[in-house]
Each structure stands twice: as structure tokens, then as C-alpha cells.
Amino acid sequence: TIGEKYSINSGFCVCGAPGVGKTVLMASFAMLLRKIGAISGYKQISAR
């Protein structure tokens, strides 16, 4: 988010066992980026 280690133009893939909190975490992160003005908006889909 602060651009210290990664390019703001790259993305993340968060992997882990079912139920460890990945989906809520990443949805929260996307919302945070929009709230602080790092991105103007985002879309959300389920691969399934």
C-alpha cells in the first residue's frame, strides 16, 4: 500500500486452507485501497 516493497500496479494471490479468513481479508484490503484513494474502485467476482 505504501509502495515500499511492491509495485502498486502488481497484484496479490493469497493462498491457504479453507476458512482461515482469506476472502474477508482481501475484500477488506480492496475496500481499504479505495477508501484511501490508492485505487478509484474495483470489481469482485467468484471464480466458481
All heavy atoms as atom14 arrays in JSON, in Angstrom:
{
  "sequence": "TIGEKYSINSGFCVCGAPGVGKTVLMASFAMLLRKIGAISGYKQISAR",
  "atom14_mask": [
    [1, 1, 1, 1, 1, 1, 1, 0, 0, 0, 0, 0, 0, 0],
    [1, 1, 1, 1, 1, 1, 1, 1, 0, 0, 0, 0, 0, 0],
    [1, 1, 1, 1, 0, 0, 0, 0, 0, 0, 0, 0, 0, 0],
    [1, 1, 1, 1, 1, 1, 1, 1, 1, 0, 0, 0, 0, 0],
    [1, 1, 1, 1, 1, 1, 1, 1, 1, 0, 0, 0, 0, 0],
    [1, 1, 1, 1, 1, 1, 1, 1, 1, 1, 1, 1, 0, 0],
    [1, 1, 1, 1, 1, 1, 0, 0, 0, 0, 0, 0, 0, 0],
    [1, 1, 1, 1, 1, 1, 1, 1, 0, 0, 0, 0, 0, 0],
    [1, 1, 1, 1, 1, 1, 1, 1, 0, 0, 0, 0, 0, 0],
    [1, 1, 1, 1, 1, 1, 0, 0, 0, 0, 0, 0, 0, 0],
    [1, 1, 1, 1, 0, 0, 0, 0, 0, 0, 0, 0, 0, 0],
    [1, 1, 1, 1, 1, 1, 1, 1, 1, 1, 1, 0, 0, 0],
    [1, 1, 1, 1, 1, 1, 0, 0, 0, 0, 0, 0, 0, 0],
    [1, 1, 1, 1, 1, 1, 1, 0, 0, 0, 0, 0, 0, 0],
    [1, 1, 1, 1, 1, 1, 0, 0, 0, 0, 0, 0, 0, 0],
    [1, 1, 1, 1, 0, 0, 0, 0, 0, 0, 0, 0, 0, 0],
    [1, 1, 1, 1, 1, 0, 0, 0, 0, 0, 0, 0, 0, 0],
    [1, 1, 1, 1, 1, 1, 1, 0, 0, 0, 0, 0, 0, 0],
    [1, 1, 1, 1, 0, 0, 0, 0, 0, 0, 0, 0, 0, 0],
    [1, 1, 1, 1, 1, 1, 1, 0, 0, 0, 0, 0, 0, 0],
    [1, 1, 1, 1, 0, 0, 0, 0, 0, 0, 0, 0, 0, 0],
    [1, 1, 1, 1, 1, 1, 1, 1, 1, 0, 0, 0, 0, 0],
    [1, 1, 1, 1, 1, 1, 1, 0, 0, 0, 0, 0, 0, 0],
    [1, 1, 1, 1, 1, 1, 1, 0, 0, 0, 0, 0, 0, 0],
    [1, 1, 1, 1, 1, 1, 1, 1, 0, 0, 0, 0, 0, 0],
    [1, 1, 1, 1, 1, 1, 1, 1, 0, 0, 0, 0, 0, 0],
    [1, 1, 1, 1, 1, 0, 0, 0, 0, 0, 0, 0, 0, 0],
    [1, 1, 1, 1, 1, 1, 0, 0, 0, 0, 0, 0, 0, 0],
    [1, 1, 1, 1, 1, 1, 1, 1, 1, 1, 1, 0, 0, 0],
    [1, 1, 1, 1, 1, 0, 0, 0, 0, 0, 0, 0, 0, 0],
    [1, 1, 1, 1, 1, 1, 1, 1, 0, 0, 0, 0, 0, 0],
    [1, 1, 1, 1, 1, 1, 1, 1, 0, 0, 0, 0, 0, 0],
    [1, 1, 1, 1, 1, 1, 1, 1, 0, 0, 0, 0, 0, 0],
    [1, 1, 1, 1, 1, 1, 1, 1, 1, 1, 1, 0, 0, 0],
    [1, 1, 1, 1, 1, 1, 1, 1, 1, 0, 0, 0, 0, 0],
    [1, 1, 1, 1, 1, 1, 1, 1, 0, 0, 0, 0, 0, 0],
    [1, 1, 1, 1, 0, 0, 0, 0, 0, 0, 0, 0, 0, 0],
    [1, 1, 1, 1, 1, 0, 0, 0, 0, 0, 0, 0, 0, 0],
    [1, 1, 1, 1, 1, 1, 1, 1, 0, 0, 0, 0, 0, 0],
    [1, 1, 1, 1, 1, 1, 0, 0, 0, 0, 0, 0, 0, 0],
    [1, 1, 1, 1, 0, 0, 0, 0, 0, 0, 0, 0, 0, 0],
    [1, 1, 1, 1, 1, 1, 1, 1, 1, 1, 1, 1, 0, 0],
    [1, 1, 1, 1, 1, 1, 1, 1, 1, 0, 0, 0, 0, 0],
    [1, 1, 1, 1, 1, 1, 1, 1, 1, 0, 0, 0, 0, 0],
    [1, 1, 1, 1, 1, 1, 1, 1, 0, 0, 0, 0, 0, 0],
    [1, 1, 1, 1, 1, 1, 0, 0, 0, 0, 0, 0, 0, 0],
    [1, 1, 1, 1, 1, 0, 0, 0, 0, 0, 0, 0, 0, 0],
    [1, 1, 1, 1, 1, 1, 1, 1, 1, 1, 1, 0, 0, 0]
  ],
  "atom14_positions": [
    [[0.81, -1.21, 0.0], [0.0, 0.0, 0.0], [0.85, 1.27, 0.0], [0.53, 2.24, -0.69], [-0.94, 0.01, 1.22], [-1.77, -1.16, 1.18], [-1.84, 1.23, 1.23], [0.0, 0.0, 0.0], [0.0, 0.0, 0.0], [0.0, 0.0, 0.0], [0.0, 0.0, 0.0], [0.0, 0.0, 0.0], [0.0, 0.0, 0.0], [0.0, 0.0, 0.0]],
    [[1.93, 1.26, 0.76], [2.76, 2.46, 0.83], [3.84, 2.47, -0.26], [4.64, 3.4, -0.34], [3.42, 2.62, 2.22], [4.38, 1.46, 2.52], [2.35, 2.74, 3.3], [5.16, 1.62, 3.82], [0.0, 0.0, 0.0], [0.0, 0.0, 0.0], [0.0, 0.0, 0.0], [0.0, 0.0, 0.0], [0.0, 0.0, 0.0], [0.0, 0.0, 0.0]],
    [[3.85, 1.43, -1.11], [4.77, 1.41, -2.24], [6.21, 1.19, -1.86], [7.13, 1.57, -2.59], [0.0, 0.0, 0.0], [0.0, 0.0, 0.0], [0.0, 0.0, 0.0], [0.0, 0.0, 0.0], [0.0, 0.0, 0.0], [0.0, 0.0, 0.0], [0.0, 0.0, 0.0], [0.0, 0.0, 0.0], [0.0, 0.0, 0.0], [0.0, 0.0, 0.0]],
    [[6.44, 0.54, -0.72], [7.8, 0.39, -0.22], [8.49, -0.86, -0.75], [9.71, -0.93, -0.82], [7.79, 0.36, 1.3], [9.15, 0.63, 1.92], [9.05, 1.06, 3.37], [8.65, 2.2, 3.64], [9.36, 0.22, 4.23], [0.0, 0.0, 0.0], [0.0, 0.0, 0.0], [0.0, 0.0, 0.0], [0.0, 0.0, 0.0], [0.0, 0.0, 0.0]],
    [[7.72, -1.87, -1.09], [8.32, -3.15, -1.49], [7.82, -3.64, -2.84], [8.53, -4.35, -3.55], [8.03, -4.2, -0.42], [8.71, -5.53, -0.62], [8.46, -6.47, 0.56], [9.1, -7.82, 0.35], [8.84, -8.74, 1.48], [0.0, 0.0, 0.0], [0.0, 0.0, 0.0], [0.0, 0.0, 0.0], [0.0, 0.0, 0.0], [0.0, 0.0, 0.0]],
    [[6.59, -3.29, -3.18], [5.98, -3.79, -4.4], [5.54, -2.64, -5.29], [5.31, -1.54, -4.82], [4.75, -4.65, -4.07], [5.02, -5.79, -3.14], [4.7, -5.69, -1.78], [5.59, -6.97, -3.6], [4.94, -6.74, -0.91], [5.84, -8.02, -2.73], [5.51, -7.9, -1.39], [5.76, -8.94, -0.54], [0.0, 0.0, 0.0], [0.0, 0.0, 0.0]],
    [[5.38, -2.96, -6.57], [4.78, -2.0, -7.49], [3.28, -1.95, -7.22], [2.63, -2.99, -7.07], [5.03, -2.42, -8.94], [4.18, -1.68, -9.8], [0.0, 0.0, 0.0], [0.0, 0.0, 0.0], [0.0, 0.0, 0.0], [0.0, 0.0, 0.0], [0.0, 0.0, 0.0], [0.0, 0.0, 0.0], [0.0, 0.0, 0.0], [0.0, 0.0, 0.0]],
    [[2.72, -0.75, -7.17], [1.28, -0.61, -6.94], [0.49, -1.15, -8.12], [-0.72, -1.34, -8.05], [0.92, 0.87, -6.67], [-0.46, 1.01, -6.01], [0.99, 1.68, -7.94], [-0.55, 0.52, -4.61], [0.0, 0.0, 0.0], [0.0, 0.0, 0.0], [0.0, 0.0, 0.0], [0.0, 0.0, 0.0], [0.0, 0.0, 0.0], [0.0, 0.0, 0.0]],
    [[1.17, -1.45, -9.22], [0.49, -1.98, -10.41], [0.48, -3.51, -10.44], [-0.02, -4.1, -11.39], [1.16, -1.45, -11.68], [0.98, 0.03, -11.84], [-0.1, 0.56, -11.6], [2.03, 0.73, -12.24], [0.0, 0.0, 0.0], [0.0, 0.0, 0.0], [0.0, 0.0, 0.0], [0.0, 0.0, 0.0], [0.0, 0.0, 0.0], [0.0, 0.0, 0.0]],
    [[1.05, -4.15, -9.43], [1.03, -5.61, -9.37], [-0.13, -6.06, -8.5], [-0.82, -5.25, -7.88], [2.36, -6.14, -8.81], [2.53, -5.71, -7.47], [0.0, 0.0, 0.0], [0.0, 0.0, 0.0], [0.0, 0.0, 0.0], [0.0, 0.0, 0.0], [0.0, 0.0, 0.0], [0.0, 0.0, 0.0], [0.0, 0.0, 0.0], [0.0, 0.0, 0.0]],
    [[-0.35, -7.36, -8.43], [-1.45, -7.89, -7.64], [-0.96, -8.92, -6.64], [0.25, -9.2, -6.56], [0.0, 0.0, 0.0], [0.0, 0.0, 0.0], [0.0, 0.0, 0.0], [0.0, 0.0, 0.0], [0.0, 0.0, 0.0], [0.0, 0.0, 0.0], [0.0, 0.0, 0.0], [0.0, 0.0, 0.0], [0.0, 0.0, 0.0], [0.0, 0.0, 0.0]],
    [[-1.91, -9.48, -5.88], [-1.58, -10.48, -4.88], [-2.44, -11.71, -5.07], [-3.62, -11.61, -5.43], [-1.83, -9.95, -3.46], [-0.68, -9.22, -2.86], [-0.6, -7.84, -2.92], [0.35, -9.91, -2.24], [0.46, -7.15, -2.37], [1.42, -9.24, -1.68], [1.48, -7.85, -1.74], [0.0, 0.0, 0.0], [0.0, 0.0, 0.0], [0.0, 0.0, 0.0]],
    [[-1.87, -12.88, -4.79], [-2.63, -14.11, -4.67], [-2.39, -14.64, -3.27], [-1.26, -15.03, -2.92], [-2.18, -15.14, -5.7], [-3.04, -16.74, -5.53], [0.0, 0.0, 0.0], [0.0, 0.0, 0.0], [0.0, 0.0, 0.0], [0.0, 0.0, 0.0], [0.0, 0.0, 0.0], [0.0, 0.0, 0.0], [0.0, 0.0, 0.0], [0.0, 0.0, 0.0]],
    [[-3.43, -14.6, -2.43], [-3.33, -15.08, -1.06], [-3.88, -16.5, -1.01], [-5.06, -16.73, -1.29], [-4.09, -14.16, -0.09], [-4.06, -14.72, 1.33], [-3.46, -12.77, -0.1], [0.0, 0.0, 0.0], [0.0, 0.0, 0.0], [0.0, 0.0, 0.0], [0.0, 0.0, 0.0], [0.0, 0.0, 0.0], [0.0, 0.0, 0.0], [0.0, 0.0, 0.0]],
    [[-3.02, -17.46, -0.66], [-3.38, -18.87, -0.67], [-3.45, -19.41, 0.76], [-2.72, -18.95, 1.64], [-2.35, -19.69, -1.45], [-1.95, -19.06, -3.09], [0.0, 0.0, 0.0], [0.0, 0.0, 0.0], [0.0, 0.0, 0.0], [0.0, 0.0, 0.0], [0.0, 0.0, 0.0], [0.0, 0.0, 0.0], [0.0, 0.0, 0.0], [0.0, 0.0, 0.0]],
    [[-4.3, -20.4, 0.97], [-4.38, -21.03, 2.28], [-5.56, -21.98, 2.36], [-6.4, -22.02, 1.46], [0.0, 0.0, 0.0], [0.0, 0.0, 0.0], [0.0, 0.0, 0.0], [0.0, 0.0, 0.0], [0.0, 0.0, 0.0], [0.0, 0.0, 0.0], [0.0, 0.0, 0.0], [0.0, 0.0, 0.0], [0.0, 0.0, 0.0], [0.0, 0.0, 0.0]],
    [[-5.62, -22.73, 3.44], [-6.7, -23.69, 3.63], [-8.04, -22.98, 3.75], [-8.1, -21.8, 4.1], [-6.43, -24.52, 4.89], [0.0, 0.0, 0.0], [0.0, 0.0, 0.0], [0.0, 0.0, 0.0], [0.0, 0.0, 0.0], [0.0, 0.0, 0.0], [0.0, 0.0, 0.0], [0.0, 0.0, 0.0], [0.0, 0.0, 0.0], [0.0, 0.0, 0.0]],
    [[-9.14, -23.67, 3.45], [-10.47, -23.07, 3.58], [-10.72, -22.6, 5.02], [-10.35, -23.28, 5.97], [-11.42, -24.21, 3.21], [-10.6, -25.14, 2.37], [-9.21, -25.05, 2.92], [0.0, 0.0, 0.0], [0.0, 0.0, 0.0], [0.0, 0.0, 0.0], [0.0, 0.0, 0.0], [0.0, 0.0, 0.0], [0.0, 0.0, 0.0], [0.0, 0.0, 0.0]],
    [[-11.33, -21.42, 5.15], [-11.76, -20.96, 6.45], [-10.75, -20.2, 7.27], [-11.02, -19.85, 8.43], [0.0, 0.0, 0.0], [0.0, 0.0, 0.0], [0.0, 0.0, 0.0], [0.0, 0.0, 0.0], [0.0, 0.0, 0.0], [0.0, 0.0, 0.0], [0.0, 0.0, 0.0], [0.0, 0.0, 0.0], [0.0, 0.0, 0.0], [0.0, 0.0, 0.0]],
    [[-9.56, -19.89, 6.72], [-8.56, -19.17, 7.51], [-8.75, -17.65, 7.45], [-8.01, -16.9, 8.08], [-7.12, -19.53, 7.08], [-6.83, -20.99, 7.36], [-6.87, -19.19, 5.62], [0.0, 0.0, 0.0], [0.0, 0.0, 0.0], [0.0, 0.0, 0.0], [0.0, 0.0, 0.0], [0.0, 0.0, 0.0], [0.0, 0.0, 0.0], [0.0, 0.0, 0.0]],
    [[-9.72, -17.18, 6.67], [-10.02, -15.75, 6.64], [-9.52, -15.0, 5.42], [-9.5, -13.76, 5.41], [0.0, 0.0, 0.0], [0.0, 0.0, 0.0], [0.0, 0.0, 0.0], [0.0, 0.0, 0.0], [0.0, 0.0, 0.0], [0.0, 0.0, 0.0], [0.0, 0.0, 0.0], [0.0, 0.0, 0.0], [0.0, 0.0, 0.0], [0.0, 0.0, 0.0]],
    [[-9.11, -15.71, 4.36], [-8.53, -15.08, 3.18], [-9.5, -14.14, 2.48], [-9.14, -13.02, 2.1], [-8.07, -16.15, 2.17], [-7.1, -17.15, 2.71], [-6.7, -18.15, 1.64], [-7.87, -18.91, 1.04], [-8.6, -19.76, 2.01], [0.0, 0.0, 0.0], [0.0, 0.0, 0.0], [0.0, 0.0, 0.0], [0.0, 0.0, 0.0], [0.0, 0.0, 0.0]],
    [[-10.74, -14.6, 2.27], [-11.69, -13.84, 1.46], [-12.07, -12.52, 2.13], [-12.05, -11.46, 1.49], [-12.95, -14.67, 1.18], [-12.58, -15.84, 0.43], [-13.95, -13.88, 0.36], [0.0, 0.0, 0.0], [0.0, 0.0, 0.0], [0.0, 0.0, 0.0], [0.0, 0.0, 0.0], [0.0, 0.0, 0.0], [0.0, 0.0, 0.0], [0.0, 0.0, 0.0]],
    [[-12.38, -12.56, 3.42], [-12.73, -11.33, 4.13], [-11.53, -10.39, 4.18], [-11.66, -9.17, 4.0], [-13.24, -11.63, 5.56], [-13.45, -10.34, 6.35], [-14.54, -12.41, 5.5], [0.0, 0.0, 0.0], [0.0, 0.0, 0.0], [0.0, 0.0, 0.0], [0.0, 0.0, 0.0], [0.0, 0.0, 0.0], [0.0, 0.0, 0.0], [0.0, 0.0, 0.0]],
    [[-10.34, -10.94, 4.4], [-9.13, -10.12, 4.44], [-8.93, -9.39, 3.11], [-8.7, -8.17, 3.09], [-7.91, -10.98, 4.75], [-6.56, -10.25, 4.64], [-6.46, -9.15, 5.68], [-5.4, -11.23, 4.79], [0.0, 0.0, 0.0], [0.0, 0.0, 0.0], [0.0, 0.0, 0.0], [0.0, 0.0, 0.0], [0.0, 0.0, 0.0], [0.0, 0.0, 0.0]],
    [[-9.01, -10.11, 2.0], [-8.74, -9.49, 0.71], [-9.84, -8.52, 0.29], [-9.59, -7.49, -0.33], [-8.52, -10.57, -0.36], [-7.23, -11.36, -0.17], [-5.75, -10.31, -0.04], [-5.6, -9.76, -1.75], [0.0, 0.0, 0.0], [0.0, 0.0, 0.0], [0.0, 0.0, 0.0], [0.0, 0.0, 0.0], [0.0, 0.0, 0.0], [0.0, 0.0, 0.0]],
    [[-11.08, -8.85, 0.65], [-12.18, -7.91, 0.37], [-11.99, -6.64, 1.19], [-12.24, -5.52, 0.69], [-13.52, -8.57, 0.69], [0.0, 0.0, 0.0], [0.0, 0.0, 0.0], [0.0, 0.0, 0.0], [0.0, 0.0, 0.0], [0.0, 0.0, 0.0], [0.0, 0.0, 0.0], [0.0, 0.0, 0.0], [0.0, 0.0, 0.0], [0.0, 0.0, 0.0]],
    [[-11.55, -6.78, 2.43], [-11.28, -5.62, 3.29], [-10.14, -4.79, 2.73], [-10.17, -3.55, 2.76], [-10.95, -6.07, 4.71], [-11.98, -6.87, 5.24], [0.0, 0.0, 0.0], [0.0, 0.0, 0.0], [0.0, 0.0, 0.0], [0.0, 0.0, 0.0], [0.0, 0.0, 0.0], [0.0, 0.0, 0.0], [0.0, 0.0, 0.0], [0.0, 0.0, 0.0]],
    [[-9.12, -5.47, 2.23], [-7.96, -4.78, 1.67], [-8.35, -3.99, 0.43], [-7.93, -2.83, 0.26], [-6.87, -5.8, 1.34], [-5.64, -5.21, 0.71], [-4.9, -4.25, 1.4], [-5.24, -5.61, -0.55], [-3.76, -3.7, 0.82], [-4.09, -5.06, -1.13], [-3.36, -4.1, -0.45], [0.0, 0.0, 0.0], [0.0, 0.0, 0.0], [0.0, 0.0, 0.0]],
    [[-9.15, -4.59, -0.45], [-9.6, -3.89, -1.64], [-10.41, -2.64, -1.26], [-10.25, -1.57, -1.85], [-10.43, -4.82, -2.52], [0.0, 0.0, 0.0], [0.0, 0.0, 0.0], [0.0, 0.0, 0.0], [0.0, 0.0, 0.0], [0.0, 0.0, 0.0], [0.0, 0.0, 0.0], [0.0, 0.0, 0.0], [0.0, 0.0, 0.0], [0.0, 0.0, 0.0]],
    [[-11.26, -2.79, -0.25], [-12.06, -1.67, 0.22], [-11.17, -0.57, 0.82], [-11.37, 0.62, 0.58], [-13.07, -2.15, 1.27], [-14.04, -1.1, 1.73], [-15.25, -1.82, 2.9], [-16.26, -0.37, 3.23], [0.0, 0.0, 0.0], [0.0, 0.0, 0.0], [0.0, 0.0, 0.0], [0.0, 0.0, 0.0], [0.0, 0.0, 0.0], [0.0, 0.0, 0.0]],
    [[-10.15, -0.98, 1.57], [-9.2, -0.02, 2.14], [-8.49, 0.77, 1.05], [-8.37, 2.0, 1.15], [-8.18, -0.77, 3.01], [-7.06, 0.06, 3.64], [-6.64, -0.53, 4.99], [-5.82, 0.16, 2.74], [0.0, 0.0, 0.0], [0.0, 0.0, 0.0], [0.0, 0.0, 0.0], [0.0, 0.0, 0.0], [0.0, 0.0, 0.0], [0.0, 0.0, 0.0]],
    [[-8.02, 0.09, 0.01], [-7.32, 0.78, -1.08], [-8.21, 1.84, -1.71], [-7.75, 2.94, -2.04], [-6.87, -0.22, -2.14], [-5.74, -1.18, -1.75], [-5.45, -2.14, -2.89], [-4.48, -0.42, -1.36], [0.0, 0.0, 0.0], [0.0, 0.0, 0.0], [0.0, 0.0, 0.0], [0.0, 0.0, 0.0], [0.0, 0.0, 0.0], [0.0, 0.0, 0.0]],
    [[-9.49, 1.53, -1.86], [-10.42, 2.51, -2.44], [-10.65, 3.67, -1.48], [-10.67, 4.83, -1.89], [-11.75, 1.84, -2.78], [-12.77, 2.8, -3.4], [-13.96, 2.06, -3.95], [-14.66, 1.31, -2.94], [-15.57, 1.83, -2.09], [-15.83, 3.13, -2.13], [-16.19, 1.07, -1.21], [0.0, 0.0, 0.0], [0.0, 0.0, 0.0], [0.0, 0.0, 0.0]],
    [[-10.78, 3.37, -0.19], [-11.07, 4.41, 0.8], [-9.94, 5.41, 0.94], [-10.18, 6.6, 1.15], [-11.38, 3.77, 2.16], [-12.75, 3.11, 2.25], [-13.85, 4.15, 2.17], [-15.22, 3.53, 2.31], [-16.29, 4.55, 2.18], [0.0, 0.0, 0.0], [0.0, 0.0, 0.0], [0.0, 0.0, 0.0], [0.0, 0.0, 0.0], [0.0, 0.0, 0.0]],
    [[-8.68, 4.95, 0.81], [-7.56, 5.88, 0.97], [-7.14, 6.5, -0.36], [-6.19, 7.28, -0.41], [-6.35, 5.2, 1.64], [-5.74, 4.13, 0.72], [-6.72, 4.62, 2.99], [-4.41, 3.6, 1.22], [0.0, 0.0, 0.0], [0.0, 0.0, 0.0], [0.0, 0.0, 0.0], [0.0, 0.0, 0.0], [0.0, 0.0, 0.0], [0.0, 0.0, 0.0]],
    [[-7.85, 6.15, -1.43], [-7.58, 6.77, -2.72], [-6.47, 6.13, -3.52], [-6.02, 6.7, -4.52], [0.0, 0.0, 0.0], [0.0, 0.0, 0.0], [0.0, 0.0, 0.0], [0.0, 0.0, 0.0], [0.0, 0.0, 0.0], [0.0, 0.0, 0.0], [0.0, 0.0, 0.0], [0.0, 0.0, 0.0], [0.0, 0.0, 0.0], [0.0, 0.0, 0.0]],
    [[-6.02, 4.93, -3.12], [-4.97, 4.25, -3.88], [-5.51, 3.71, -5.2], [-4.79, 3.59, -6.19], [-4.37, 3.11, -3.06], [0.0, 0.0, 0.0], [0.0, 0.0, 0.0], [0.0, 0.0, 0.0], [0.0, 0.0, 0.0], [0.0, 0.0, 0.0], [0.0, 0.0, 0.0], [0.0, 0.0, 0.0], [0.0, 0.0, 0.0], [0.0, 0.0, 0.0]],
    [[-6.8, 3.34, -5.21], [-7.49, 2.94, -6.44], [-8.84, 3.66, -6.47], [-9.37, 4.04, -5.42], [-7.71, 1.41, -6.52], [-8.52, 0.9, -5.31], [-6.37, 0.68, -6.6], [-8.87, -0.59, -5.36], [0.0, 0.0, 0.0], [0.0, 0.0, 0.0], [0.0, 0.0, 0.0], [0.0, 0.0, 0.0], [0.0, 0.0, 0.0], [0.0, 0.0, 0.0]],
    [[-9.38, 3.84, -7.66], [-10.65, 4.57, -7.77], [-11.86, 3.67, -7.52], [-12.95, 4.14, -7.21], [-10.77, 5.22, -9.14], [-10.69, 4.24, -10.16], [0.0, 0.0, 0.0], [0.0, 0.0, 0.0], [0.0, 0.0, 0.0], [0.0, 0.0, 0.0], [0.0, 0.0, 0.0], [0.0, 0.0, 0.0], [0.0, 0.0, 0.0], [0.0, 0.0, 0.0]],
    [[-11.66, 2.37, -7.65], [-12.76, 1.43, -7.46], [-12.3, 0.03, -7.84], [-11.16, -0.16, -8.28], [0.0, 0.0, 0.0], [0.0, 0.0, 0.0], [0.0, 0.0, 0.0], [0.0, 0.0, 0.0], [0.0, 0.0, 0.0], [0.0, 0.0, 0.0], [0.0, 0.0, 0.0], [0.0, 0.0, 0.0], [0.0, 0.0, 0.0], [0.0, 0.0, 0.0]],
    [[-13.16, -0.95, -7.66], [-12.81, -2.32, -8.01], [-14.06, -3.14, -8.25], [-15.15, -2.77, -7.81], [-11.96, -2.97, -6.91], [-12.67, -3.12, -5.59], [-13.35, -4.28, -5.25], [-12.67, -2.08, -4.65], [-14.01, -4.43, -4.03], [-13.32, -2.21, -3.44], [-13.98, -3.38, -3.13], [-14.63, -3.5, -1.93], [0.0, 0.0, 0.0], [0.0, 0.0, 0.0]],
    [[-13.9, -4.23, -8.97], [-14.99, -5.19, -9.19], [-14.64, -6.48, -8.45], [-13.48, -6.74, -8.17], [-15.18, -5.45, -10.69], [-15.5, -4.22, -11.52], [-15.68, -4.6, -12.98], [-15.89, -3.38, -13.86], [-14.62, -2.63, -14.08], [0.0, 0.0, 0.0], [0.0, 0.0, 0.0], [0.0, 0.0, 0.0], [0.0, 0.0, 0.0], [0.0, 0.0, 0.0]],
    [[-15.66, -7.27, -8.18], [-15.45, -8.5, -7.42], [-16.25, -9.63, -8.05], [-17.42, -9.46, -8.38], [-15.9, -8.27, -5.97], [-15.57, -9.41, -5.03], [-15.84, -9.01, -3.58], [-15.96, -7.83, -3.25], [-15.94, -9.99, -2.71], [0.0, 0.0, 0.0], [0.0, 0.0, 0.0], [0.0, 0.0, 0.0], [0.0, 0.0, 0.0], [0.0, 0.0, 0.0]],
    [[-15.61, -10.78, -8.25], [-16.28, -11.94, -8.82], [-15.86, -13.21, -8.08], [-14.84, -13.21, -7.38], [-15.97, -12.12, -10.33], [-14.46, -12.32, -10.55], [-16.52, -10.98, -11.15], [-14.08, -12.71, -11.95], [0.0, 0.0, 0.0], [0.0, 0.0, 0.0], [0.0, 0.0, 0.0], [0.0, 0.0, 0.0], [0.0, 0.0, 0.0], [0.0, 0.0, 0.0]],
    [[-16.62, -14.27, -8.27], [-16.23, -15.59, -7.78], [-15.81, -16.43, -8.98], [-16.53, -16.5, -9.98], [-17.41, -16.26, -7.06], [-17.12, -17.64, -6.85], [0.0, 0.0, 0.0], [0.0, 0.0, 0.0], [0.0, 0.0, 0.0], [0.0, 0.0, 0.0], [0.0, 0.0, 0.0], [0.0, 0.0, 0.0], [0.0, 0.0, 0.0], [0.0, 0.0, 0.0]],
    [[-14.65, -17.05, -8.89], [-14.19, -17.91, -9.98], [-15.15, -19.06, -10.21], [-15.33, -19.53, -11.33], [-12.78, -18.45, -9.67], [0.0, 0.0, 0.0], [0.0, 0.0, 0.0], [0.0, 0.0, 0.0], [0.0, 0.0, 0.0], [0.0, 0.0, 0.0], [0.0, 0.0, 0.0], [0.0, 0.0, 0.0], [0.0, 0.0, 0.0], [0.0, 0.0, 0.0]],
    [[-15.8, -19.5, -9.13], [-16.7, -20.64, -9.22], [-17.91, -20.35, -10.11], [-18.43, -21.24, -10.79], [-17.17, -21.04, -7.82], [-17.97, -22.34, -7.77], [-18.64, -22.49, -6.41], [-17.69, -22.66, -5.33], [-17.22, -23.83, -4.93], [-17.6, -24.93, -5.54], [-16.37, -23.9, -3.92], [0.0, 0.0, 0.0], [0.0, 0.0, 0.0], [0.0, 0.0, 0.0]]
  ]
}
